[in-house]
Amino acid sequence: MAIHILVVDDDTAITDSMCEFVEAAGYRSFAATNAYDAIKILEQNTVHIVITDIMMSGMNGLELTDQIKKNYSADVIVMTGYSADYSYEEAINKGASDFVFKPIRFEELLLRLKRVLNERKLSEERSEMMKKLNRLATTDGLTKLYNSRTFYNHLESEADRAARYKRPLSMLFLDIDHFKKFNDTYGHLQGDKVLIRISEIIISCLRGLDTAYRYGGEEFTILLPETVGKEAGTVANRIRNAIEKEKFKPQDGDSVMVTISIGATQFNPNEEMSSFIQRSDRAMYMSKQNGRNRVTTLLDADSSMPEPA
């Protein structure tokens, strides 16, 4: 990928010579004679490093640096011929990555450019590594759904929001029917394929604000913000129907139907999280006891609404 460098100086002789040097060093260049034109270039192009003079009319170089660090992803090298007026510390405190004095020695500038680019690359690699580690910590490696630890964190946040703003929150608890028998018959590799496909079907049936989790083994949970219990039952049946229609082929010639049992329940303000989870789990087991491949909506400890398969 080409590296783009923006040179900002109100002296066109300086911008011309520096852009020529930047191009000769193998980079792409832009030039601006004031901070406002520089911002326009940043808005319209990908810029990796901005080299800016401090002393400019209107917005000066330090003010430009502050704007860049707040609104854009570019690194900044500040240059000045007025070493007594501005310090290295001032430039760094504004977010600059380096500071050079005029007259610019191009050999020195090239070394500083390479150092800033190397640090930028290391920072991007570190950021990507942290994102990967975060994904590993919050998602299930097989299904790519959120894991159970993340479920508890999200549940606490969603329940707190529902109670504070008096908004509905529902949960689905799902379990694959006879999954042990499937694994025993066709092997765990085929069982993993079922888990992956069911996860994909679940996601396809949800809205953007809903979140799905692999709770453990063949169990899944789903949080449905802004959803009352009856609506949660409708979502559950949509998922159940979609999975029932899916044909799995663990062996040549075999076409196997996999079904799920689902429990749906709505959060009651001021109840404990454990009570909410247990009620959803109990509703799911009621679906299993009533023949599997069905949805049971359990609004409180004593009432249930079995849905037809």
Protein backbone atom coordinates (compact mmCIF):
# COMPACT_ATOMS: atom_id res chain seq x y z
CA MET A 1 0.00 0.00 0.00
CA ALA A 2 1.33 3.42 -0.96
CA ILE A 3 2.23 5.78 1.89
CA HIS A 4 0.66 9.24 1.53
CA ILE A 5 2.37 12.25 3.07
CA LEU A 6 0.88 15.74 3.32
CA VAL A 7 3.25 18.73 3.51
CA VAL A 8 1.78 21.92 4.98
CA ASP A 9 3.73 25.20 4.75
CA ASP A 10 2.80 28.69 3.57
CA ASP A 11 6.06 28.86 1.62
CA THR A 12 5.39 27.12 -1.72
CA ALA A 13 9.12 26.74 -2.36
CA ILE A 14 9.33 24.57 0.74
CA THR A 15 6.24 22.49 -0.10
CA ASP A 16 7.46 21.98 -3.67
CA SER A 17 10.97 20.86 -2.65
CA MET A 18 9.68 18.61 0.16
CA CYS A 19 7.05 16.98 -2.05
CA GLU A 20 9.74 16.33 -4.66
CA PHE A 21 11.89 14.73 -1.97
CA VAL A 22 8.97 12.66 -0.63
CA GLU A 23 8.18 11.36 -4.13
CA ALA A 24 11.86 10.54 -4.75
CA ALA A 25 11.90 8.54 -1.50
CA GLY A 26 9.07 6.37 -2.82
CA TYR A 27 6.07 7.97 -1.11
CA ARG A 28 3.04 9.79 -2.49
CA SER A 29 2.65 13.46 -1.61
CA PHE A 30 0.05 16.17 -1.12
CA ALA A 31 0.73 19.86 -0.50
CA ALA A 32 -1.20 22.61 1.28
CA THR A 33 -0.26 26.21 2.03
CA ASN A 34 -2.50 26.56 5.11
CA ALA A 35 -4.21 24.44 7.75
CA TYR A 36 -7.68 24.81 6.26
CA ASP A 37 -6.61 23.41 2.89
CA ALA A 38 -4.79 20.63 4.76
CA ILE A 39 -8.01 19.64 6.54
CA LYS A 40 -9.84 19.50 3.19
CA ILE A 41 -7.17 17.13 1.87
CA LEU A 42 -7.45 14.98 5.01
CA GLU A 43 -11.21 14.79 4.58
CA GLN A 44 -10.96 13.62 0.99
CA ASN A 45 -7.87 11.37 1.04
CA THR A 46 -6.05 8.77 3.09
CA VAL A 47 -3.02 10.48 4.64
CA HIS A 48 -0.54 8.60 6.81
CA ILE A 49 1.80 11.42 7.89
CA VAL A 50 1.37 15.19 7.94
CA ILE A 51 4.53 17.33 7.98
CA THR A 52 3.46 20.81 9.04
CA ASP A 53 5.13 24.11 9.78
CA ILE A 54 4.12 25.76 13.07
CA MET A 55 4.10 29.40 11.97
CA MET A 56 1.17 29.84 9.58
CA SER A 57 -1.51 32.52 9.31
CA GLY A 58 -4.95 31.62 10.63
CA MET A 59 -4.67 28.20 12.27
CA ASN A 60 -1.07 27.46 13.24
CA GLY A 61 0.69 24.12 13.05
CA LEU A 62 0.10 23.13 16.67
CA GLU A 63 -3.61 23.90 16.35
CA LEU A 64 -3.69 21.84 13.15
CA THR A 65 -1.91 19.00 14.94
CA ASP A 66 -4.55 19.10 17.67
CA GLN A 67 -7.33 18.87 15.05
CA ILE A 68 -5.61 16.00 13.24
CA LYS A 69 -5.19 13.92 16.39
CA LYS A 70 -8.82 14.49 17.36
CA ASN A 71 -10.41 13.80 13.98
CA TYR A 72 -8.02 11.87 11.72
CA SER A 73 -5.69 8.89 11.91
CA ALA A 74 -2.56 10.56 10.50
CA ASP A 75 0.68 10.96 12.42
CA VAL A 76 2.20 14.45 12.53
CA ILE A 77 5.76 15.72 12.25
CA VAL A 78 6.02 19.38 13.27
CA MET A 79 8.73 21.61 11.77
CA THR A 80 9.72 25.12 12.74
CA GLY A 81 12.50 27.65 12.36
CA TYR A 82 11.51 29.32 15.64
CA SER A 83 13.02 27.01 18.20
CA ALA A 84 12.88 29.63 20.93
CA ASP A 85 9.13 30.12 20.60
CA TYR A 86 7.96 26.51 20.55
CA SER A 87 9.33 23.49 22.34
CA TYR A 88 9.48 19.80 21.56
CA GLU A 89 7.26 19.20 24.61
CA GLU A 90 4.54 21.51 23.29
CA ALA A 91 4.44 19.68 19.98
CA ILE A 92 4.39 16.22 21.59
CA ASN A 93 1.69 17.30 24.04
CA LYS A 94 -0.48 18.27 21.08
CA GLY A 95 -0.04 14.77 19.69
CA ALA A 96 2.86 15.21 17.27
CA SER A 97 4.99 12.14 16.64
CA ASP A 98 8.19 14.13 16.02
CA PHE A 99 9.64 17.65 15.82
CA VAL A 100 12.26 19.00 13.37
CA PHE A 101 13.94 22.38 12.89
CA LYS A 102 14.36 24.41 9.73
CA PRO A 103 16.32 24.50 7.56
CA ILE A 104 15.30 20.88 6.98
CA ARG A 105 18.04 18.38 6.19
CA PHE A 106 16.32 15.88 3.92
CA GLU A 107 18.49 12.99 5.13
CA GLU A 108 17.39 13.66 8.70
CA LEU A 109 13.75 14.04 7.63
CA LEU A 110 13.84 10.71 5.84
CA LEU A 111 15.14 9.00 8.99
CA ARG A 112 12.37 10.61 11.04
CA LEU A 113 9.74 9.61 8.46
CA LYS A 114 10.91 6.00 8.55
CA ARG A 115 10.91 5.98 12.36
CA VAL A 116 7.37 7.37 12.55
CA LEU A 117 6.17 4.91 9.90
CA ASN A 118 7.77 2.00 11.77
CA GLU A 119 6.15 3.09 15.02
CA ARG A 120 2.83 3.49 13.20
CA LYS A 121 3.12 -0.04 11.80
CA LEU A 122 3.94 -1.46 15.23
CA SER A 123 1.00 0.41 16.74
CA GLU A 124 -1.38 -0.93 14.09
CA GLU A 125 -0.08 -4.47 14.58
CA ARG A 126 -0.46 -4.13 18.34
CA SER A 127 -3.99 -2.79 17.93
CA GLU A 128 -4.92 -5.66 15.62
CA MET A 129 -3.44 -8.16 18.06
CA MET A 130 -5.48 -6.67 20.90
CA LYS A 131 -8.63 -6.90 18.77
CA LYS A 132 -7.91 -10.57 18.09
CA LEU A 133 -7.26 -11.25 21.76
CA ASN A 134 -10.48 -9.47 22.64
CA ARG A 135 -12.39 -11.56 20.11
CA LEU A 136 -10.85 -14.72 21.53
CA ALA A 137 -11.82 -13.65 25.04
CA THR A 138 -15.42 -12.81 24.17
CA THR A 139 -16.40 -15.28 21.44
CA ASP A 140 -16.73 -19.03 21.06
CA GLY A 141 -13.98 -20.37 18.82
CA LEU A 142 -16.22 -22.83 16.96
CA THR A 143 -19.46 -20.95 16.33
CA LYS A 144 -18.08 -17.37 16.49
CA LEU A 145 -21.03 -16.45 18.71
CA TYR A 146 -20.38 -14.65 21.97
CA ASN A 147 -19.32 -17.00 24.77
CA SER A 148 -21.02 -17.58 28.12
CA ARG A 149 -18.78 -15.15 30.02
CA THR A 150 -19.75 -12.38 27.61
CA PHE A 151 -23.40 -13.44 27.99
CA TYR A 152 -23.33 -12.72 31.71
CA ASN A 153 -21.67 -9.33 31.15
CA HIS A 154 -24.18 -8.33 28.47
CA LEU A 155 -27.12 -9.65 30.50
CA GLU A 156 -26.19 -7.51 33.47
CA SER A 157 -25.93 -4.40 31.28
CA GLU A 158 -29.18 -5.07 29.41
CA ALA A 159 -31.10 -5.88 32.60
CA ASP A 160 -29.82 -2.72 34.25
CA ARG A 161 -30.91 -0.67 31.24
CA ALA A 162 -34.32 -2.36 31.10
CA ALA A 163 -34.94 -1.69 34.80
CA ARG A 164 -33.69 1.90 34.70
CA TYR A 165 -35.71 2.95 31.65
CA LYS A 166 -38.64 0.57 32.24
CA ARG A 167 -38.14 -1.13 28.88
CA PRO A 168 -38.85 -4.80 28.09
CA LEU A 169 -36.13 -7.41 27.83
CA SER A 170 -36.60 -11.05 26.91
CA MET A 171 -34.36 -14.10 26.75
CA LEU A 172 -34.39 -17.32 24.76
CA PHE A 173 -32.74 -20.51 25.98
CA LEU A 174 -32.16 -23.09 23.22
CA ASP A 175 -31.01 -26.70 23.31
CA ILE A 176 -30.46 -29.05 20.36
CA ASP A 177 -32.68 -32.14 20.66
CA HIS A 178 -30.96 -35.54 20.91
CA PHE A 179 -27.59 -34.00 20.13
CA LYS A 180 -25.64 -36.68 22.02
CA LYS A 181 -27.28 -39.33 19.85
CA PHE A 182 -26.31 -37.37 16.73
CA ASN A 183 -22.68 -37.18 17.90
CA ASP A 184 -22.61 -40.86 18.81
CA THR A 185 -24.03 -41.79 15.41
CA TYR A 186 -22.12 -39.48 13.09
CA GLY A 187 -19.12 -38.29 15.12
CA HIS A 188 -18.16 -35.02 16.77
CA LEU A 189 -16.82 -33.48 13.54
CA GLN A 190 -20.30 -33.67 12.02
CA GLY A 191 -21.72 -32.45 15.31
CA ASP A 192 -19.48 -29.38 15.11
CA LYS A 193 -20.84 -28.68 11.61
CA VAL A 194 -24.35 -28.75 13.05
CA LEU A 195 -23.39 -26.30 15.79
CA ILE A 196 -21.83 -23.93 13.26
CA ARG A 197 -24.83 -24.04 10.90
CA ILE A 198 -27.36 -23.61 13.69
CA SER A 199 -25.41 -20.58 14.91
CA GLU A 200 -25.60 -19.10 11.42
CA ILE A 201 -29.35 -19.71 11.26
CA ILE A 202 -29.86 -18.12 14.67
CA ILE A 203 -28.00 -14.97 13.60
CA SER A 204 -30.00 -14.78 10.35
CA CYS A 205 -33.25 -14.69 12.35
CA LEU A 206 -32.25 -11.82 14.66
CA ARG A 207 -32.32 -8.04 14.51
CA GLY A 208 -29.21 -5.91 14.81
CA LEU A 209 -29.78 -5.14 18.49
CA ASP A 210 -30.28 -8.81 19.47
CA THR A 211 -27.28 -10.88 20.60
CA ALA A 212 -26.71 -14.64 20.51
CA TYR A 213 -24.38 -16.72 22.67
CA ARG A 214 -23.11 -20.27 22.84
CA TYR A 215 -23.94 -20.97 26.44
CA GLY A 216 -22.17 -24.31 26.51
CA GLY A 217 -22.17 -27.59 24.59
CA GLU A 218 -25.34 -27.65 22.49
CA GLU A 219 -27.05 -24.86 24.46
CA PHE A 220 -27.52 -21.30 23.21
CA THR A 221 -28.96 -18.15 24.72
CA ILE A 222 -30.31 -15.03 23.01
CA LEU A 223 -30.97 -11.61 24.51
CA LEU A 224 -33.82 -9.64 22.95
CA PRO A 225 -33.90 -5.99 24.08
CA GLU A 226 -37.13 -4.01 23.55
CA THR A 227 -39.02 -7.30 23.30
CA VAL A 228 -41.89 -8.59 25.47
CA GLY A 229 -42.37 -12.28 26.23
CA LYS A 230 -45.01 -12.94 23.58
CA GLU A 231 -42.84 -11.35 20.87
CA ALA A 232 -39.89 -13.41 22.11
CA GLY A 233 -42.01 -16.52 21.51
CA THR A 234 -42.55 -15.39 17.93
CA VAL A 235 -38.80 -14.95 17.41
CA ALA A 236 -38.19 -18.36 18.97
CA ASN A 237 -40.62 -20.06 16.61
CA ARG A 238 -39.00 -18.32 13.64
CA ILE A 239 -35.65 -19.80 14.69
CA ARG A 240 -37.18 -23.22 15.42
CA ASN A 241 -38.91 -23.37 12.03
CA ALA A 242 -35.76 -22.32 10.17
CA ILE A 243 -33.67 -25.01 11.87
CA GLU A 244 -36.35 -27.67 11.35
CA LYS A 245 -36.32 -26.96 7.61
CA GLU A 246 -32.52 -27.27 7.38
CA LYS A 247 -31.36 -30.64 6.05
CA PHE A 248 -28.03 -31.90 7.38
CA LYS A 249 -26.07 -34.54 5.49
CA PRO A 250 -23.54 -36.09 7.87
CA GLN A 251 -23.06 -39.07 5.49
CA ASP A 252 -23.49 -39.71 1.79
CA GLY A 253 -27.12 -40.43 1.09
CA ASP A 254 -28.28 -39.42 4.56
CA SER A 255 -30.48 -36.39 5.10
CA VAL A 256 -30.98 -35.71 8.79
CA MET A 257 -33.37 -33.24 10.42
CA VAL A 258 -32.15 -31.52 13.57
CA THR A 259 -34.59 -29.80 15.91
CA ILE A 260 -34.30 -27.56 18.95
CA SER A 261 -36.30 -26.95 22.10
CA ILE A 262 -36.62 -23.33 23.19
CA GLY A 263 -37.64 -21.55 26.36
CA ALA A 264 -38.69 -17.89 26.20
CA THR A 265 -39.15 -15.52 29.11
CA GLN A 266 -39.33 -11.82 29.91
CA PHE A 267 -37.26 -10.03 32.52
CA ASN A 268 -39.13 -8.89 35.63
CA PRO A 269 -37.70 -5.67 37.11
CA ASN A 270 -35.85 -6.10 40.40
CA GLU A 271 -35.48 -9.89 40.01
CA GLU A 272 -32.08 -11.54 40.36
CA MET A 273 -30.19 -12.46 37.20
CA SER A 274 -30.07 -16.08 38.35
CA SER A 275 -33.89 -16.16 38.56
CA PHE A 276 -34.22 -14.80 35.02
CA ILE A 277 -31.78 -17.38 33.64
CA GLN A 278 -33.31 -20.26 35.59
CA ARG A 279 -36.80 -19.40 34.34
CA SER A 280 -35.59 -19.42 30.74
CA ASP A 281 -33.81 -22.73 31.34
CA ARG A 282 -36.93 -24.18 32.98
CA ALA A 283 -39.08 -23.10 30.03
CA MET A 284 -36.67 -24.86 27.67
CA TYR A 285 -36.89 -28.10 29.68
CA MET A 286 -40.68 -27.83 29.62
CA SER A 287 -40.43 -27.81 25.82
CA LYS A 288 -38.37 -30.99 25.99
CA GLN A 289 -40.79 -32.65 28.40
CA ASN A 290 -43.71 -31.79 26.13
CA GLY A 291 -42.21 -33.52 23.09
CA ARG A 292 -39.26 -31.36 21.96
CA ASN A 293 -39.07 -29.22 18.81
CA ARG A 294 -41.27 -26.59 20.39
CA VAL A 295 -41.27 -23.27 22.22
CA THR A 296 -42.49 -22.63 25.76
CA THR A 297 -42.96 -19.07 26.97
CA LEU A 298 -42.72 -18.81 30.75
CA LEU A 299 -43.60 -15.34 31.99
CA ASP A 300 -43.24 -16.08 35.71
CA ALA A 301 -42.59 -19.01 38.02
CA ASP A 302 -46.16 -20.33 37.81
CA SER A 303 -47.36 -19.68 34.27
CA SER A 304 -46.35 -21.04 30.90
CA MET A 305 -47.60 -20.78 27.35
CA PRO A 306 -46.53 -23.83 25.30
CA GLU A 307 -46.36 -23.01 21.63
CA PRO A 308 -47.42 -25.62 19.06
CA ALA A 309 -44.64 -27.36 17.18
